[in-house]
Structures are given as C-alpha cells and as structure tokens.
C-alpha cells in the first residue's frame, strides 16, 4: 500500500498537478490577480512564495 500524500490533491496525476500549479503561478505573476478555488489558492500560495524568494 502506498504511503499517504501530504497536502491537497488537485486531481489527476502528479504531472498534471505540477502543470496546474505552473499555469496558475504564471497567470498570477503576469496579471497580478487570479480567480480560482480556495483549495487551489491554498496550494498555490507556498509554491509562488518559493518562486518569489528564489527570484
């Protein structure tokens, strides 16, 4: 039995989830605003914060 995942699932495979986060982050950075679900926003926030810290 596989180990349980940490964090929320956005649906689909892990590759699909990575693409969703990448596209949402790109949209957020380009337009500085985003309309999405609460769950996606909660998953997106630490992802974008890490990108901004690296930049």
PDB file of N, CA and C in Angstrom:
ATOM      1  N   UNK A   1       0.846  -1.177   0.000  1.00  0.00           N
ATOM      2  CA  UNK A   1       0.000   0.000   0.000  1.00  0.00           C
ATOM      3  C   UNK A   1       0.895   1.245   0.000  1.00  0.00           C
ATOM      4  N   UNK A   2       0.631   2.200  -0.903  1.00  0.00           N
ATOM      5  CA  UNK A   2       1.475   3.387  -0.966  1.00  0.00           C
ATOM      6  C   UNK A   2       1.302   4.291   0.254  1.00  0.00           C
ATOM      7  N   UNK A   3       2.350   5.042   0.533  1.00  0.00           N
ATOM      8  CA  UNK A   3       2.303   5.979   1.655  1.00  0.00           C
ATOM      9  C   UNK A   3       1.341   7.119   1.337  1.00  0.00           C
ATOM     10  N   UNK A   4       0.612   7.624   2.328  1.00  0.00           N
ATOM     11  CA  UNK A   4      -0.310   8.742   2.085  1.00  0.00           C
ATOM     12  C   UNK A   4       0.441  10.003   1.672  1.00  0.00           C
ATOM     13  N   UNK A   5      -0.197  10.787   0.828  1.00  0.00           N
ATOM     14  CA  UNK A   5       0.397  12.033   0.346  1.00  0.00           C
ATOM     15  C   UNK A   5       0.207  13.153   1.361  1.00  0.00           C
ATOM     16  N   UNK A   6       1.145  14.064   1.380  1.00  0.00           N
ATOM     17  CA  UNK A   6       0.987  15.267   2.190  1.00  0.00           C
ATOM     18  C   UNK A   6       0.395  16.344   1.307  1.00  0.00           C
ATOM     19  N   UNK A   7      -0.507  17.120   1.838  1.00  0.00           N
ATOM     20  CA  UNK A   7      -1.071  18.233   1.091  1.00  0.00           C
ATOM     21  C   UNK A   7      -2.300  17.851   0.293  1.00  0.00           C
ATOM     22  N   UNK A   8      -2.882  18.854  -0.345  1.00  0.00           N
ATOM     23  CA  UNK A   8      -4.114  18.666  -1.111  1.00  0.00           C
ATOM     24  C   UNK A   8      -3.806  18.097  -2.486  1.00  0.00           C
ATOM     25  N   UNK A   9      -4.758  17.332  -3.026  1.00  0.00           N
ATOM     26  CA  UNK A   9      -4.669  16.836  -4.393  1.00  0.00           C
ATOM     27  C   UNK A   9      -5.526  17.728  -5.269  1.00  0.00           C
ATOM     28  N   UNK A  10      -5.004  18.104  -6.416  1.00  0.00           N
ATOM     29  CA  UNK A  10      -5.766  18.926  -7.342  1.00  0.00           C
ATOM     30  C   UNK A  10      -6.389  18.085  -8.444  1.00  0.00           C
ATOM     31  N   UNK A  11      -6.253  16.794  -8.372  1.00  0.00           N
ATOM     32  CA  UNK A  11      -6.842  15.914  -9.370  1.00  0.00           C
ATOM     33  C   UNK A  11      -5.812  15.485 -10.393  1.00  0.00           C
ATOM     34  N   UNK A  12      -5.997  14.287 -10.917  1.00  0.00           N
ATOM     35  CA  UNK A  12      -5.087  13.795 -11.939  1.00  0.00           C
ATOM     36  C   UNK A  12      -3.788  13.283 -11.352  1.00  0.00           C
ATOM     37  N   UNK A  13      -2.828  13.098 -12.238  1.00  0.00           N
ATOM     38  CA  UNK A  13      -1.533  12.560 -11.852  1.00  0.00           C
ATOM     39  C   UNK A  13      -0.653  13.654 -11.241  1.00  0.00           C
ATOM     40  N   UNK A  14       0.462  13.278 -10.655  1.00  0.00           N
ATOM     41  CA  UNK A  14       1.375  14.293 -10.120  1.00  0.00           C
ATOM     42  C   UNK A  14       1.887  15.254 -11.199  1.00  0.00           C
ATOM     43  N   UNK A  15       2.068  14.747 -12.415  1.00  0.00           N
ATOM     44  CA  UNK A  15       2.498  15.619 -13.509  1.00  0.00           C
ATOM     45  C   UNK A  15       1.419  16.643 -13.837  1.00  0.00           C
ATOM     46  N   UNK A  16       0.162  16.212 -13.791  1.00  0.00           N
ATOM     47  CA  UNK A  16      -0.952  17.122 -14.064  1.00  0.00           C
ATOM     48  C   UNK A  16      -1.038  18.187 -12.976  1.00  0.00           C
ATOM     49  N   UNK A  17      -0.839  17.798 -11.735  1.00  0.00           N
ATOM     50  CA  UNK A  17      -0.873  18.750 -10.632  1.00  0.00           C
ATOM     51  C   UNK A  17       0.250  19.774 -10.782  1.00  0.00           C
ATOM     52  N   UNK A  18       1.433  19.327 -11.191  1.00  0.00           N
ATOM     53  CA  UNK A  18       2.551  20.255 -11.388  1.00  0.00           C
ATOM     54  C   UNK A  18       2.242  21.253 -12.493  1.00  0.00           C
ATOM     55  N   UNK A  19       1.606  20.796 -13.566  1.00  0.00           N
ATOM     56  CA  UNK A  19       1.235  21.694 -14.664  1.00  0.00           C
ATOM     57  C   UNK A  19       0.179  22.699 -14.220  1.00  0.00           C
ATOM     58  N   UNK A  20      -0.780  22.251 -13.426  1.00  0.00           N
ATOM     59  CA  UNK A  20      -1.814  23.161 -12.920  1.00  0.00           C
ATOM     60  C   UNK A  20      -1.160  24.268 -12.090  1.00  0.00           C
ATOM     61  N   UNK A  21      -0.261  23.891 -11.172  1.00  0.00           N
ATOM     62  CA  UNK A  21       0.415  24.882 -10.337  1.00  0.00           C
ATOM     63  C   UNK A  21       1.262  25.830 -11.176  1.00  0.00           C
ATOM     64  N   UNK A  22       1.946  25.291 -12.167  1.00  0.00           N
ATOM     65  CA  UNK A  22       2.777  26.118 -13.029  1.00  0.00           C
ATOM     66  C   UNK A  22       1.945  27.137 -13.793  1.00  0.00           C
ATOM     67  N   UNK A  23       0.833  26.698 -14.357  1.00  0.00           N
ATOM     68  CA  UNK A  23      -0.037  27.599 -15.117  1.00  0.00           C
ATOM     69  C   UNK A  23      -0.692  28.646 -14.217  1.00  0.00           C
ATOM     70  N   UNK A  24      -1.126  28.239 -13.032  1.00  0.00           N
ATOM     71  CA  UNK A  24      -1.723  29.197 -12.106  1.00  0.00           C
ATOM     72  C   UNK A  24      -0.698  30.237 -11.655  1.00  0.00           C
ATOM     73  N   UNK A  25       0.522  29.789 -11.378  1.00  0.00           N
ATOM     74  CA  UNK A  25       1.570  30.717 -10.951  1.00  0.00           C
ATOM     75  C   UNK A  25       1.906  31.701 -12.064  1.00  0.00           C
ATOM     76  N   UNK A  26       1.992  31.220 -13.290  1.00  0.00           N
ATOM     77  CA  UNK A  26       2.285  32.101 -14.420  1.00  0.00           C
ATOM     78  C   UNK A  26       1.183  33.139 -14.594  1.00  0.00           C
ATOM     79  N   UNK A  27      -0.060  32.706 -14.477  1.00  0.00           N
ATOM     80  CA  UNK A  27      -1.182  33.640 -14.606  1.00  0.00           C
ATOM     81  C   UNK A  27      -1.164  34.677 -13.491  1.00  0.00           C
ATOM     82  N   UNK A  28      -0.855  34.240 -12.284  1.00  0.00           N
ATOM     83  CA  UNK A  28      -0.818  35.157 -11.147  1.00  0.00           C
ATOM     84  C   UNK A  28       0.294  36.190 -11.303  1.00  0.00           C
ATOM     85  N   UNK A  29       1.458  35.753 -11.735  1.00  0.00           N
ATOM     86  CA  UNK A  29       2.590  36.665 -11.878  1.00  0.00           C
ATOM     87  C   UNK A  29       2.353  37.649 -13.023  1.00  0.00           C
ATOM     88  N   UNK A  30       1.774  37.180 -14.121  1.00  0.00           N
ATOM     89  CA  UNK A  30       1.533  38.051 -15.275  1.00  0.00           C
ATOM     90  C   UNK A  30       0.459  39.098 -14.995  1.00  0.00           C
ATOM     91  N   UNK A  31      -0.654  38.665 -14.408  1.00  0.00           N
ATOM     92  CA  UNK A  31      -1.792  39.578 -14.267  1.00  0.00           C
ATOM     93  C   UNK A  31      -1.938  40.163 -12.862  1.00  0.00           C
ATOM     94  N   UNK A  32      -1.165  39.677 -11.904  1.00  0.00           N
ATOM     95  CA  UNK A  32      -1.200  40.125 -10.508  1.00  0.00           C
ATOM     96  C   UNK A  32      -2.545  39.905  -9.833  1.00  0.00           C
ATOM     97  N   UNK A  33      -3.424  39.131 -10.441  1.00  0.00           N
ATOM     98  CA  UNK A  33      -4.720  38.780  -9.848  1.00  0.00           C
ATOM     99  C   UNK A  33      -5.137  37.438 -10.426  1.00  0.00           C
ATOM    100  N   UNK A  34      -5.976  36.724  -9.679  1.00  0.00           N
ATOM    101  CA  UNK A  34      -6.360  35.392 -10.114  1.00  0.00           C
ATOM    102  C   UNK A  34      -7.703  35.028  -9.503  1.00  0.00           C
ATOM    103  N   UNK A  35      -8.568  34.420 -10.288  1.00  0.00           N
ATOM    104  CA  UNK A  35      -9.835  33.901  -9.795  1.00  0.00           C
ATOM    105  C   UNK A  35      -9.752  32.381  -9.835  1.00  0.00           C
ATOM    106  N   UNK A  36      -9.786  31.751  -8.673  1.00  0.00           N
ATOM    107  CA  UNK A  36      -9.667  30.303  -8.593  1.00  0.00           C
ATOM    108  C   UNK A  36     -10.381  29.817  -7.336  1.00  0.00           C
ATOM    109  N   UNK A  37     -10.316  28.528  -7.091  1.00  0.00           N
ATOM    110  CA  UNK A  37     -10.958  27.959  -5.914  1.00  0.00           C
ATOM    111  C   UNK A  37     -10.076  28.178  -4.683  1.00  0.00           C
ATOM    112  N   UNK A  38     -10.671  28.055  -3.526  1.00  0.00           N
ATOM    113  CA  UNK A  38      -9.934  28.241  -2.270  1.00  0.00           C
ATOM    114  C   UNK A  38      -8.857  27.174  -2.127  1.00  0.00           C
ATOM    115  N   UNK A  39      -9.171  25.937  -2.479  1.00  0.00           N
ATOM    116  CA  UNK A  39      -8.211  24.846  -2.346  1.00  0.00           C
ATOM    117  C   UNK A  39      -6.995  25.078  -3.233  1.00  0.00           C
ATOM    118  N   UNK A  40      -7.229  25.467  -4.482  1.00  0.00           N
ATOM    119  CA  UNK A  40      -6.112  25.730  -5.387  1.00  0.00           C
ATOM    120  C   UNK A  40      -5.289  26.912  -4.896  1.00  0.00           C
ATOM    121  N   UNK A  41      -5.933  27.918  -4.349  1.00  0.00           N
ATOM    122  CA  UNK A  41      -5.213  29.084  -3.831  1.00  0.00           C
ATOM    123  C   UNK A  41      -4.338  28.697  -2.644  1.00  0.00           C
ATOM    124  N   UNK A  42      -4.830  27.832  -1.779  1.00  0.00           N
ATOM    125  CA  UNK A  42      -4.057  27.402  -0.614  1.00  0.00           C
ATOM    126  C   UNK A  42      -2.832  26.594  -1.027  1.00  0.00           C
ATOM    127  N   UNK A  43      -2.963  25.796  -2.091  1.00  0.00           N
ATOM    128  CA  UNK A  43      -1.833  25.011  -2.584  1.00  0.00           C
ATOM    129  C   UNK A  43      -0.864  25.912  -3.344  1.00  0.00           C
ATOM    130  N   UNK A  44      -1.393  26.905  -4.039  1.00  0.00           N
ATOM    131  CA  UNK A  44      -0.582  27.785  -4.878  1.00  0.00           C
ATOM    132  C   UNK A  44       0.280  28.742  -4.064  1.00  0.00           C
ATOM    133  N   UNK A  45      -0.208  29.190  -2.925  1.00  0.00           N
ATOM    134  CA  UNK A  45       0.492  30.229  -2.155  1.00  0.00           C
ATOM    135  C   UNK A  45       1.932  29.860  -1.808  1.00  0.00           C
ATOM    136  N   UNK A  46       2.206  28.710  -1.159  1.00  0.00           N
ATOM    137  CA  UNK A  46       3.606  28.402  -0.845  1.00  0.00           C
ATOM    138  C   UNK A  46       4.455  28.185  -2.097  1.00  0.00           C
ATOM    139  N   UNK A  47       3.836  27.676  -3.164  1.00  0.00           N
ATOM    140  CA  UNK A  47       4.547  27.454  -4.427  1.00  0.00           C
ATOM    141  C   UNK A  47       5.047  28.783  -4.992  1.00  0.00           C
ATOM    142  N   UNK A  48       4.180  29.787  -5.020  1.00  0.00           N
ATOM    143  CA  UNK A  48       4.544  31.102  -5.560  1.00  0.00           C
ATOM    144  C   UNK A  48       5.514  31.817  -4.622  1.00  0.00           C
ATOM    145  N   UNK A  49       5.337  31.667  -3.321  1.00  0.00           N
ATOM    146  CA  UNK A  49       6.251  32.304  -2.373  1.00  0.00           C
ATOM    147  C   UNK A  49       7.674  31.786  -2.553  1.00  0.00           C
ATOM    148  N   UNK A  50       7.834  30.494  -2.819  1.00  0.00           N
ATOM    149  CA  UNK A  50       9.165  29.932  -3.068  1.00  0.00           C
ATOM    150  C   UNK A  50       9.757  30.497  -4.353  1.00  0.00           C
ATOM    151  N   UNK A  51       8.918  30.652  -5.393  1.00  0.00           N
ATOM    152  CA  UNK A  51       9.397  31.229  -6.649  1.00  0.00           C
ATOM    153  C   UNK A  51       9.867  32.667  -6.447  1.00  0.00           C
ATOM    154  N   UNK A  52       9.106  33.441  -5.692  1.00  0.00           N
ATOM    155  CA  UNK A  52       9.465  34.837  -5.452  1.00  0.00           C
ATOM    156  C   UNK A  52      10.750  34.926  -4.632  1.00  0.00           C
ATOM    157  N   UNK A  53      10.912  34.043  -3.662  1.00  0.00           N
ATOM    158  CA  UNK A  53      12.121  34.039  -2.847  1.00  0.00           C
ATOM    159  C   UNK A  53      13.347  33.726  -3.701  1.00  0.00           C
ATOM    160  N   UNK A  54      13.224  32.775  -4.613  1.00  0.00           N
ATOM    161  CA  UNK A  54      14.339  32.428  -5.494  1.00  0.00           C
ATOM    162  C   UNK A  54      14.657  33.554  -6.464  1.00  0.00           C
ATOM    163  N   UNK A  55      13.627  34.286  -6.886  1.00  0.00           N
ATOM    164  CA  UNK A  55      13.848  35.374  -7.852  1.00  0.00           C
ATOM    165  C   UNK A  55      14.553  36.512  -7.164  1.00  0.00           C
TER     166      UNK A  55
END
